[in-house]
């Protein structure tokens, strides 16, 4: 699916285009050295990890995330990311198939060089984030502390060379005949047994959010994350994923920011993007995947309708049965959304088009996110996120994927020297079995410090700070 202007597409990495994009984003104070430094960022699919655009999304662009210039070992030489000859060195290494090593620690974790347009970028090797120093922007918390760990290698299979992730889904991307009524808890929810073989609809949303690094935050990004940033990173993350042998990006629809003067052009691009959902004359009807911000649900003449932000005049039809199950399964998310006016609700849904051109939802899941678009699942987690939003150090919100809510998992990771800290929120309903499992989870990672908020015991304890060594309690 094309990514319309003004958001740049992968490959449009020429200095003139990149400069114009940064200026459009409001990042006017940069130099040629800064542009060269963009070539070394963190991860597998973008400039800071997923595309050529963390500066472009407005996070690292003006946040200070570039303040600590890093060093790499390349062909027995040390190269700094602010070096004026950086691109020449990377181009030469790319042709010679050399791998740089990040000097955030010894021995340096291996990286790889990719060509993006006419720029060369250094990226984190797939599944290697834990090998970097916690202070390094290439660092990634271990998957096993969240719901992601049990899915890697089964529901999510990542190619270690290309970084492409092949996904196995537990929901259908086609429809034949009438839709059978799914059981309560289906329609895109997490499985009650935490299935590790396939991704639920909510699990896919969590993986997209994780790979787009939208669960990462530092106070330096305050006020710099908006829907166009969200959309850009979700689409670029999807380019590194395949479903049923085809690119996920081909069937993923994320509405572009609506601007009244561009209404006609936006609607034309939308029609082109929705072309895969146009029903064929015969055979199964293909479905697409929607990721968007919920504006409201309304009553239609038959059933209900979903109104998604940035799509004025366009509705998604929801039948009564699905709507009732949705209200039951996602009652907590709806309540959290209603309790905080600054929060957003993100929906992920499979949908198709009827021959008359109507968009009909087949399955659906929802996720509530804070003002800074970081997900949370309870009022306790929201309080933790509010505190983390004021912290300068980088935090990473863990996501559950298919993991049941009654199973312990780290709520977030706080990357402070000398060791990262796992932040755990214990619900009031926890029992002895929960505490035992939590203790085992913490003991499995002795290389991490731990902070625990037992909500039944009272108010949230102070967050650890840089000089603290936080004991396991």
Protein backbone atom coordinates (compact mmCIF):
# COMPACT_ATOMS: atom_id res chain seq x y z
CA UNK A 1 0.00 0.00 0.00
CA UNK A 2 1.51 3.34 -0.96
CA UNK A 3 2.38 5.85 1.73
CA UNK A 4 1.06 9.20 0.43
CA UNK A 5 2.87 12.52 0.49
CA UNK A 6 3.89 14.31 2.67
CA UNK A 7 5.10 11.21 4.51
CA UNK A 8 8.26 9.88 2.78
CA UNK A 9 8.38 6.36 1.44
CA UNK A 10 11.21 3.93 2.00
CA UNK A 11 13.81 4.65 -0.64
CA UNK A 12 13.18 8.38 -0.82
CA UNK A 13 16.32 8.97 1.18
CA UNK A 14 18.09 11.59 -0.89
CA UNK A 15 19.52 14.47 1.16
CA UNK A 16 17.23 17.00 -0.52
CA UNK A 17 14.08 14.97 0.23
CA UNK A 18 15.20 14.14 3.75
CA UNK A 19 16.07 17.77 4.45
CA UNK A 20 12.69 18.93 3.17
CA UNK A 21 10.95 16.30 5.30
CA UNK A 22 12.80 17.34 8.44
CA UNK A 23 11.98 20.99 7.79
CA UNK A 24 8.32 20.07 7.22
CA UNK A 25 8.39 18.25 10.54
CA UNK A 26 9.65 21.37 12.28
CA UNK A 27 13.23 20.17 12.74
CA UNK A 28 14.94 23.25 11.38
CA UNK A 29 18.09 23.24 13.48
CA UNK A 30 20.28 20.58 11.90
CA UNK A 31 23.58 20.43 10.05
CA UNK A 32 25.15 18.24 7.40
CA UNK A 33 26.86 16.35 10.20
CA UNK A 34 23.46 15.74 11.78
CA UNK A 35 22.13 14.39 8.50
CA UNK A 36 25.12 12.07 8.25
CA UNK A 37 24.52 10.94 11.80
CA UNK A 38 21.04 9.81 10.78
CA UNK A 39 22.70 6.93 8.97
CA UNK A 40 23.45 5.14 12.24
CA UNK A 41 20.51 4.40 14.43
CA UNK A 42 19.21 1.35 16.21
CA UNK A 43 17.22 -1.41 14.72
CA UNK A 44 16.09 -3.63 11.92
CA UNK A 45 13.73 -1.52 9.84
CA UNK A 46 14.04 2.24 10.34
CA UNK A 47 16.51 4.95 11.09
CA UNK A 48 16.23 4.47 14.81
CA UNK A 49 15.13 0.91 14.44
CA UNK A 50 12.43 0.51 11.89
CA UNK A 51 12.60 3.05 9.00
CA UNK A 52 14.63 6.03 7.90
CA UNK A 53 12.50 8.25 10.03
CA UNK A 54 12.75 8.45 13.79
CA UNK A 55 13.79 12.03 13.30
CA UNK A 56 10.88 12.29 10.94
CA UNK A 57 8.32 11.06 13.43
CA UNK A 58 9.21 13.92 15.76
CA UNK A 59 10.58 11.78 18.59
CA UNK A 60 14.32 11.73 18.10
CA UNK A 61 14.04 14.69 15.78
CA UNK A 62 13.96 17.26 18.51
CA UNK A 63 14.17 15.13 21.62
CA UNK A 64 17.87 14.93 22.26
CA UNK A 65 18.01 11.20 21.50
CA UNK A 66 20.96 11.96 19.25
CA UNK A 67 22.89 13.73 22.00
CA UNK A 68 25.20 10.79 22.75
CA UNK A 69 27.07 10.10 19.52
CA UNK A 70 28.10 6.46 19.28
CA UNK A 71 31.10 4.60 17.96
CA UNK A 72 31.41 1.54 15.77
CA UNK A 73 34.20 -0.81 14.83
CA UNK A 74 34.39 -1.20 11.06
CA UNK A 75 37.22 -2.91 9.15
CA UNK A 76 39.52 -2.68 12.19
CA UNK A 77 38.87 1.04 12.50
CA UNK A 78 36.70 3.02 14.89
CA UNK A 79 34.16 5.25 13.20
CA UNK A 80 32.02 7.86 14.92
CA UNK A 81 28.50 8.55 13.77
CA UNK A 82 29.23 12.27 13.39
CA UNK A 83 32.19 11.59 11.06
CA UNK A 84 31.96 13.64 7.83
CA UNK A 85 33.10 10.63 5.75
CA UNK A 86 30.56 8.31 7.33
CA UNK A 87 28.61 7.61 4.14
CA UNK A 88 31.77 6.79 2.18
CA UNK A 89 32.89 4.35 4.87
CA UNK A 90 29.49 2.67 5.04
CA UNK A 91 29.22 2.44 1.25
CA UNK A 92 32.63 0.75 1.06
CA UNK A 93 31.75 -1.69 3.86
CA UNK A 94 28.40 -2.43 2.21
CA UNK A 95 30.09 -3.40 -1.05
CA UNK A 96 32.59 -5.57 0.83
CA UNK A 97 29.83 -7.17 2.93
CA UNK A 98 31.50 -6.15 6.20
CA UNK A 99 29.58 -6.07 9.46
CA UNK A 100 30.20 -3.18 11.88
CA UNK A 101 30.20 -3.78 15.61
CA UNK A 102 28.60 -1.44 18.11
CA UNK A 103 31.12 -0.32 20.72
CA UNK A 104 28.49 0.19 23.42
CA UNK A 105 30.13 -2.79 25.16
CA UNK A 106 32.85 -5.39 24.69
CA UNK A 107 32.72 -7.54 22.69
CA UNK A 108 30.71 -5.31 20.40
CA UNK A 109 27.39 -6.71 19.14
CA UNK A 110 27.35 -7.24 15.37
CA UNK A 111 25.26 -4.85 13.25
CA UNK A 112 24.55 -4.80 9.53
CA UNK A 113 24.48 -2.15 6.81
CA UNK A 114 21.47 -1.57 4.58
CA UNK A 115 21.03 0.73 1.61
CA UNK A 116 18.00 3.04 1.87
CA UNK A 117 17.70 5.11 -1.27
CA UNK A 118 21.15 6.62 -1.75
CA UNK A 119 21.93 6.51 1.98
CA UNK A 120 23.60 3.70 3.94
CA UNK A 121 22.29 2.92 7.40
CA UNK A 122 23.58 0.75 10.24
CA UNK A 123 20.89 -1.44 11.78
CA UNK A 124 20.59 -3.78 14.71
CA UNK A 125 20.73 -7.46 13.84
CA UNK A 126 17.36 -9.19 14.33
CA UNK A 127 16.87 -10.61 17.83
CA UNK A 128 20.13 -9.01 19.06
CA UNK A 129 18.74 -6.06 21.03
CA UNK A 130 19.51 -7.64 24.40
CA UNK A 131 23.21 -7.84 23.50
CA UNK A 132 23.61 -4.06 23.56
CA UNK A 133 24.33 -1.98 26.62
CA UNK A 134 21.10 -0.72 28.26
CA UNK A 135 22.22 2.87 27.62
CA UNK A 136 22.55 2.19 23.87
CA UNK A 137 19.62 3.15 21.63
CA UNK A 138 20.01 -0.25 19.93
CA UNK A 139 19.17 -2.01 23.21
CA UNK A 140 15.92 -3.93 23.42
CA UNK A 141 14.51 -5.56 26.59
CA UNK A 142 14.30 -9.38 26.59
CA UNK A 143 11.16 -10.80 25.02
CA UNK A 144 10.62 -13.40 27.73
CA UNK A 145 9.58 -10.79 30.31
CA UNK A 146 6.48 -9.90 28.27
CA UNK A 147 3.98 -11.83 26.20
CA UNK A 148 6.28 -11.69 23.17
CA UNK A 149 8.73 -14.33 24.37
CA UNK A 150 6.45 -17.34 23.99
CA UNK A 151 5.47 -16.28 20.45
CA UNK A 152 8.96 -15.95 19.00
CA UNK A 153 9.88 -18.93 16.87
CA UNK A 154 6.28 -20.13 16.59
CA UNK A 155 3.65 -17.49 15.86
CA UNK A 156 6.42 -15.07 14.89
CA UNK A 157 9.36 -16.40 12.88
CA UNK A 158 12.08 -13.83 12.18
CA UNK A 159 14.68 -14.36 9.46
CA UNK A 160 18.02 -13.54 11.09
CA UNK A 161 19.50 -12.19 7.85
CA UNK A 162 16.71 -10.12 6.33
CA UNK A 163 14.85 -9.24 9.52
CA UNK A 164 11.54 -10.21 7.87
CA UNK A 165 8.99 -11.66 10.30
CA UNK A 166 6.61 -14.37 9.06
CA UNK A 167 3.42 -14.25 11.12
CA UNK A 168 0.92 -17.02 11.78
CA UNK A 169 -2.54 -15.67 12.53
CA UNK A 170 -5.46 -17.22 14.41
CA UNK A 171 -8.04 -15.19 12.48
CA UNK A 172 -9.18 -15.38 8.89
CA UNK A 173 -8.27 -12.99 6.08
CA UNK A 174 -11.07 -14.20 3.84
CA UNK A 175 -14.78 -14.84 4.12
CA UNK A 176 -17.00 -17.45 2.54
CA UNK A 177 -20.74 -17.08 3.08
CA UNK A 178 -22.24 -15.77 6.31
CA UNK A 179 -20.01 -15.21 9.30
CA UNK A 180 -20.54 -17.69 12.14
CA UNK A 181 -20.95 -16.08 15.56
CA UNK A 182 -17.56 -16.27 17.29
CA UNK A 183 -17.45 -17.23 20.97
CA UNK A 184 -17.22 -14.56 23.65
CA UNK A 185 -13.61 -13.46 23.86
CA UNK A 186 -12.97 -13.98 20.16
CA UNK A 187 -13.17 -11.36 17.49
CA UNK A 188 -9.57 -10.32 18.00
CA UNK A 189 -9.09 -10.83 21.73
CA UNK A 190 -6.32 -12.67 23.47
CA UNK A 191 -6.86 -16.39 23.87
CA UNK A 192 -7.85 -17.52 27.34
CA UNK A 193 -5.02 -20.05 27.23
CA UNK A 194 -2.40 -17.73 25.80
CA UNK A 195 -1.93 -19.58 22.50
CA UNK A 196 1.71 -19.56 21.39
CA UNK A 197 1.17 -21.04 17.93
CA UNK A 198 -0.68 -18.15 16.31
CA UNK A 199 -1.18 -14.42 16.81
CA UNK A 200 -4.57 -13.16 17.90
CA UNK A 201 -5.87 -9.95 16.41
CA UNK A 202 -4.88 -8.07 19.56
CA UNK A 203 -1.51 -9.83 19.49
CA UNK A 204 -0.90 -8.54 15.97
CA UNK A 205 -1.72 -5.00 17.11
CA UNK A 206 0.72 -5.36 19.98
CA UNK A 207 3.45 -6.64 17.66
CA UNK A 208 2.93 -3.77 15.22
CA UNK A 209 3.06 -1.27 18.10
CA UNK A 210 6.22 -2.90 19.45
CA UNK A 211 8.01 -3.04 16.11
CA UNK A 212 7.04 0.57 15.40
CA UNK A 213 8.57 1.42 18.81
CA UNK A 214 5.40 3.19 19.86
CA UNK A 215 5.69 1.59 23.31
CA UNK A 216 8.96 3.47 23.91
CA UNK A 217 9.05 6.83 25.67
CA UNK A 218 11.25 9.53 27.17
CA UNK A 219 10.17 12.90 28.54
CA UNK A 220 12.20 14.56 25.78
CA UNK A 221 9.54 13.49 23.28
CA UNK A 222 6.66 15.30 25.02
CA UNK A 223 4.31 16.89 22.50
CA UNK A 224 6.10 15.42 19.49
CA UNK A 225 4.09 12.25 18.75
CA UNK A 226 1.01 12.66 16.56
CA UNK A 227 -1.17 10.50 14.33
CA UNK A 228 0.93 11.07 11.21
CA UNK A 229 3.94 9.81 13.21
CA UNK A 230 1.95 6.80 14.39
CA UNK A 231 0.75 5.97 10.88
CA UNK A 232 4.19 6.29 9.31
CA UNK A 233 5.81 3.92 11.78
CA UNK A 234 3.01 1.35 11.69
CA UNK A 235 3.19 1.14 7.91
CA UNK A 236 6.97 0.90 7.89
CA UNK A 237 6.89 -1.79 10.59
CA UNK A 238 4.38 -3.77 8.52
CA UNK A 239 6.79 -3.75 5.56
CA UNK A 240 9.00 -6.11 7.60
CA UNK A 241 6.16 -8.63 8.13
CA UNK A 242 4.52 -11.27 5.98
CA UNK A 243 1.22 -13.12 6.43
CA UNK A 244 0.31 -16.18 4.39
CA UNK A 245 3.35 -15.56 2.21
CA UNK A 246 2.46 -11.98 1.25
CA UNK A 247 3.46 -8.57 2.64
CA UNK A 248 1.31 -7.44 5.56
CA UNK A 249 1.61 -3.88 4.24
CA UNK A 250 -0.46 -4.88 1.18
CA UNK A 251 -3.55 -5.53 3.30
CA UNK A 252 -3.00 -3.11 6.18
CA UNK A 253 -5.05 0.08 6.11
CA UNK A 254 -4.10 2.95 8.44
CA UNK A 255 -6.02 6.16 7.65
CA UNK A 256 -3.88 9.14 6.76
CA UNK A 257 -4.37 12.43 8.64
CA UNK A 258 -7.37 14.25 7.22
CA UNK A 259 -6.95 17.78 5.88
CA UNK A 260 -10.01 19.52 4.45
CA UNK A 261 -8.16 21.18 1.53
CA UNK A 262 -6.90 17.73 0.45
CA UNK A 263 -10.23 15.93 0.86
CA UNK A 264 -10.57 14.81 -2.78
CA UNK A 265 -6.99 13.56 -3.05
CA UNK A 266 -7.20 11.76 0.31
CA UNK A 267 -10.42 9.99 -0.70
CA UNK A 268 -8.83 8.94 -3.99
CA UNK A 269 -5.81 7.49 -2.19
CA UNK A 270 -8.14 5.75 0.24
CA UNK A 271 -10.05 4.12 -2.62
CA UNK A 272 -6.77 2.89 -4.10
CA UNK A 273 -5.61 1.56 -0.72
CA UNK A 274 -8.89 -0.34 -0.21
CA UNK A 275 -8.76 -1.99 -3.63
CA UNK A 276 -7.68 -5.40 -2.20
CA UNK A 277 -10.99 -5.55 -0.29
CA UNK A 278 -13.15 -5.08 -3.39
CA UNK A 279 -15.02 -8.40 -3.76
CA UNK A 280 -14.30 -10.64 -6.71
CA UNK A 281 -17.12 -11.98 -8.87
CA UNK A 282 -16.67 -15.43 -7.37
CA UNK A 283 -14.76 -17.19 -4.63
CA UNK A 284 -13.90 -16.13 -1.07
CA UNK A 285 -14.07 -12.44 -0.25
CA UNK A 286 -10.66 -11.05 0.73
CA UNK A 287 -10.40 -9.10 3.96
CA UNK A 288 -8.09 -6.27 4.95
CA UNK A 289 -6.83 -5.18 8.37
CA UNK A 290 -7.74 -1.78 9.79
CA UNK A 291 -5.68 -0.03 12.46
CA UNK A 292 -7.14 3.31 13.49
CA UNK A 293 -8.23 5.51 16.37
CA UNK A 294 -11.84 5.07 17.44
CA UNK A 295 -13.86 8.27 17.36
CA UNK A 296 -17.18 6.76 18.35
CA UNK A 297 -19.66 3.95 17.89
CA UNK A 298 -23.10 4.87 16.64
CA UNK A 299 -26.42 3.21 15.93
CA UNK A 300 -27.06 2.36 12.30
CA UNK A 301 -30.44 1.52 10.76
CA UNK A 302 -29.36 -2.09 10.98
CA UNK A 303 -26.79 -2.81 13.67
CA UNK A 304 -24.09 -0.36 14.64
CA UNK A 305 -21.37 1.66 12.94
CA UNK A 306 -17.78 2.45 13.83
CA UNK A 307 -16.49 5.95 13.15
CA UNK A 308 -12.69 6.12 12.85
CA UNK A 309 -10.82 9.39 13.26
CA UNK A 310 -9.44 10.99 10.09
CA UNK A 311 -12.18 9.32 8.01
CA UNK A 312 -15.09 11.81 7.92
CA UNK A 313 -18.06 10.53 5.97
CA UNK A 314 -16.81 6.92 5.99
CA UNK A 315 -18.32 4.28 8.29
CA UNK A 316 -17.55 0.66 9.14
CA UNK A 317 -20.66 -1.41 9.77
CA UNK A 318 -20.74 -3.65 12.87
CA UNK A 319 -23.54 -6.17 13.34
CA UNK A 320 -25.41 -6.32 16.65
CA UNK A 321 -23.92 -9.64 17.75
CA UNK A 322 -20.34 -8.53 17.27
CA UNK A 323 -21.07 -5.19 18.94
CA UNK A 324 -22.50 -6.90 22.06
CA UNK A 325 -19.51 -9.23 22.32
CA UNK A 326 -17.19 -6.27 21.82
CA UNK A 327 -18.81 -4.38 24.71
CA UNK A 328 -18.44 -7.42 26.96
CA UNK A 329 -14.90 -8.45 26.05
CA UNK A 330 -13.45 -4.92 25.99
CA UNK A 331 -15.48 -3.47 28.85
CA UNK A 332 -12.27 -2.54 30.70
CA UNK A 333 -10.79 -0.74 27.70
CA UNK A 334 -13.98 1.22 27.15
CA UNK A 335 -14.13 2.19 30.83
CA UNK A 336 -10.49 3.32 30.87
CA UNK A 337 -11.08 5.37 27.72
CA UNK A 338 -14.14 7.01 29.24
CA UNK A 339 -12.30 7.81 32.47
CA UNK A 340 -9.48 9.79 30.84
CA UNK A 341 -10.18 12.39 28.17
CA UNK A 342 -6.55 12.51 27.03
CA UNK A 343 -6.39 8.77 26.25
CA UNK A 344 -7.14 7.18 22.88
CA UNK A 345 -8.65 3.85 21.87
CA UNK A 346 -6.96 2.04 18.99
CA UNK A 347 -8.90 -0.58 17.09
CA UNK A 348 -7.61 -3.38 14.91
CA UNK A 349 -10.21 -5.11 12.79
CA UNK A 350 -10.60 -7.31 9.76
CA UNK A 351 -13.06 -5.91 7.24
CA UNK A 352 -14.26 -6.37 3.70
CA UNK A 353 -16.25 -4.40 1.16
CA UNK A 354 -19.67 -5.41 -0.11
CA UNK A 355 -20.48 -5.18 -3.84
CA UNK A 356 -22.26 -1.93 -2.95
CA UNK A 357 -19.03 -0.52 -1.51
CA UNK A 358 -19.93 -0.71 2.19
CA UNK A 359 -17.17 -1.58 4.67
CA UNK A 360 -18.21 -4.38 7.04
CA UNK A 361 -16.23 -5.37 10.15
CA UNK A 362 -15.73 -9.12 10.60
CA UNK A 363 -13.56 -9.32 13.74
CA UNK A 364 -12.31 -6.61 16.04
CA UNK A 365 -10.11 -5.88 19.07
CA UNK A 366 -9.24 -2.71 20.95
CA UNK A 367 -6.35 -1.25 22.92
CA UNK A 368 -6.33 1.86 25.10
CA UNK A 369 -3.30 4.16 24.92
CA UNK A 370 -2.26 7.19 26.94
CA UNK A 371 -1.91 10.73 25.62
CA UNK A 372 1.58 9.83 24.38
CA UNK A 373 0.16 6.75 22.58
CA UNK A 374 1.81 4.24 24.96
CA UNK A 375 -0.60 1.35 25.77
CA UNK A 376 -1.92 0.50 29.23
CA UNK A 377 -4.36 -2.05 30.64
CA UNK A 378 -5.44 -0.69 34.04
CA UNK A 379 -5.71 2.49 36.08
CA UNK A 380 -2.59 1.32 37.93
CA UNK A 381 -0.59 1.03 34.72
CA UNK A 382 -1.88 4.45 33.67
CA UNK A 383 -0.48 5.94 36.88
CA UNK A 384 2.85 4.26 36.18
CA UNK A 385 2.88 5.62 32.61
CA UNK A 386 2.10 9.11 33.87
CA UNK A 387 5.16 8.90 36.11
CA UNK A 388 7.36 7.47 33.35
CA UNK A 389 6.22 10.23 30.98
CA UNK A 390 8.11 12.70 33.17
CA UNK A 391 11.31 10.66 33.27
CA UNK A 392 14.19 11.55 30.97
CA UNK A 393 15.51 7.98 30.80
CA UNK A 394 14.09 5.70 28.12
CA UNK A 395 11.23 3.41 29.16
CA UNK A 396 9.68 0.54 27.21
CA UNK A 397 6.11 -0.54 27.94
CA UNK A 398 5.75 -4.31 27.78
CA UNK A 399 2.74 -5.75 25.94
CA UNK A 400 0.81 -8.94 26.64
CA UNK A 401 0.07 -10.20 23.10
CA UNK A 402 -1.78 -13.51 23.71
CA UNK A 403 -0.85 -13.67 27.41
CA UNK A 404 -3.85 -13.87 29.82
CA UNK A 405 -4.26 -10.97 32.23
CA UNK A 406 -3.95 -13.19 35.29
CA UNK A 407 -0.42 -14.24 34.32
CA UNK A 408 2.44 -12.07 35.68
CA UNK A 409 4.51 -10.07 33.20
CA UNK A 410 6.73 -7.03 33.44
CA UNK A 411 4.70 -3.83 33.02
CA UNK A 412 7.59 -1.75 31.69
CA UNK A 413 11.37 -1.55 31.54
CA UNK A 414 13.27 1.54 32.65
CA UNK A 415 16.71 1.86 31.10
CA UNK A 416 18.85 3.49 33.77
CA UNK A 417 22.53 2.82 34.45
CA UNK A 418 24.09 0.67 35.62
CA UNK A 419 21.36 -1.93 35.02
CA UNK A 420 17.87 -1.78 33.52
CA UNK A 421 14.96 -2.08 35.93
CA UNK A 422 11.90 -4.24 35.41
CA UNK A 423 8.75 -2.51 36.68
CA UNK A 424 6.03 -4.86 37.94
CA UNK A 425 2.47 -3.91 38.87
CA UNK A 426 0.74 -6.55 41.01
CA UNK A 427 -3.09 -6.29 40.83
CA UNK A 428 -5.19 -6.33 44.02
CA UNK A 429 -6.72 -9.65 43.00
CA UNK A 430 -3.37 -11.49 42.94
CA UNK A 431 -3.08 -14.68 44.97
CA UNK A 432 -0.24 -16.85 46.25
CA UNK A 433 0.15 -18.64 42.91
CA UNK A 434 0.50 -15.28 41.15
CA UNK A 435 3.20 -14.18 43.62
CA UNK A 436 5.11 -17.44 43.19
CA UNK A 437 5.06 -17.13 39.41
CA UNK A 438 6.14 -13.49 39.67
CA UNK A 439 9.06 -14.48 41.88
CA UNK A 440 10.16 -17.10 39.35
CA UNK A 441 9.92 -14.56 36.52
CA UNK A 442 12.09 -12.05 38.38
CA UNK A 443 14.61 -14.72 39.41
CA UNK A 444 14.97 -15.79 35.76
CA UNK A 445 16.66 -12.47 34.96
CA UNK A 446 19.30 -11.78 37.64
CA UNK A 447 20.88 -9.23 35.28
CA UNK A 448 17.93 -6.88 35.92
CA UNK A 449 16.94 -4.92 38.97
CA UNK A 450 13.28 -4.99 39.94
CA UNK A 451 10.71 -2.50 41.19
CA UNK A 452 7.38 -3.85 42.40
CA UNK A 453 4.14 -2.02 43.13
CA UNK A 454 1.74 -4.23 45.06
CA UNK A 455 -1.37 -2.18 44.51
CA UNK A 456 -3.26 -3.75 47.43
CA UNK A 457 -0.63 -2.34 49.80
CA UNK A 458 -1.17 1.32 48.91
CA UNK A 459 0.11 4.08 46.67
CA UNK A 460 2.78 3.65 44.02
CA UNK A 461 6.33 3.72 45.44
CA UNK A 462 8.84 6.21 43.97
CA UNK A 463 10.40 5.18 40.69
CA UNK A 464 14.08 4.22 40.79
CA UNK A 465 16.50 6.91 39.72
CA UNK A 466 19.84 6.74 37.97
CA UNK A 467 22.04 6.33 41.03
CA UNK A 468 19.80 3.74 42.68
CA UNK A 469 20.56 0.05 42.82
CA UNK A 470 17.09 -1.33 43.32
CA UNK A 471 16.87 -4.57 45.32
CA UNK A 472 14.46 -7.35 44.49
CA UNK A 473 11.65 -7.17 47.04
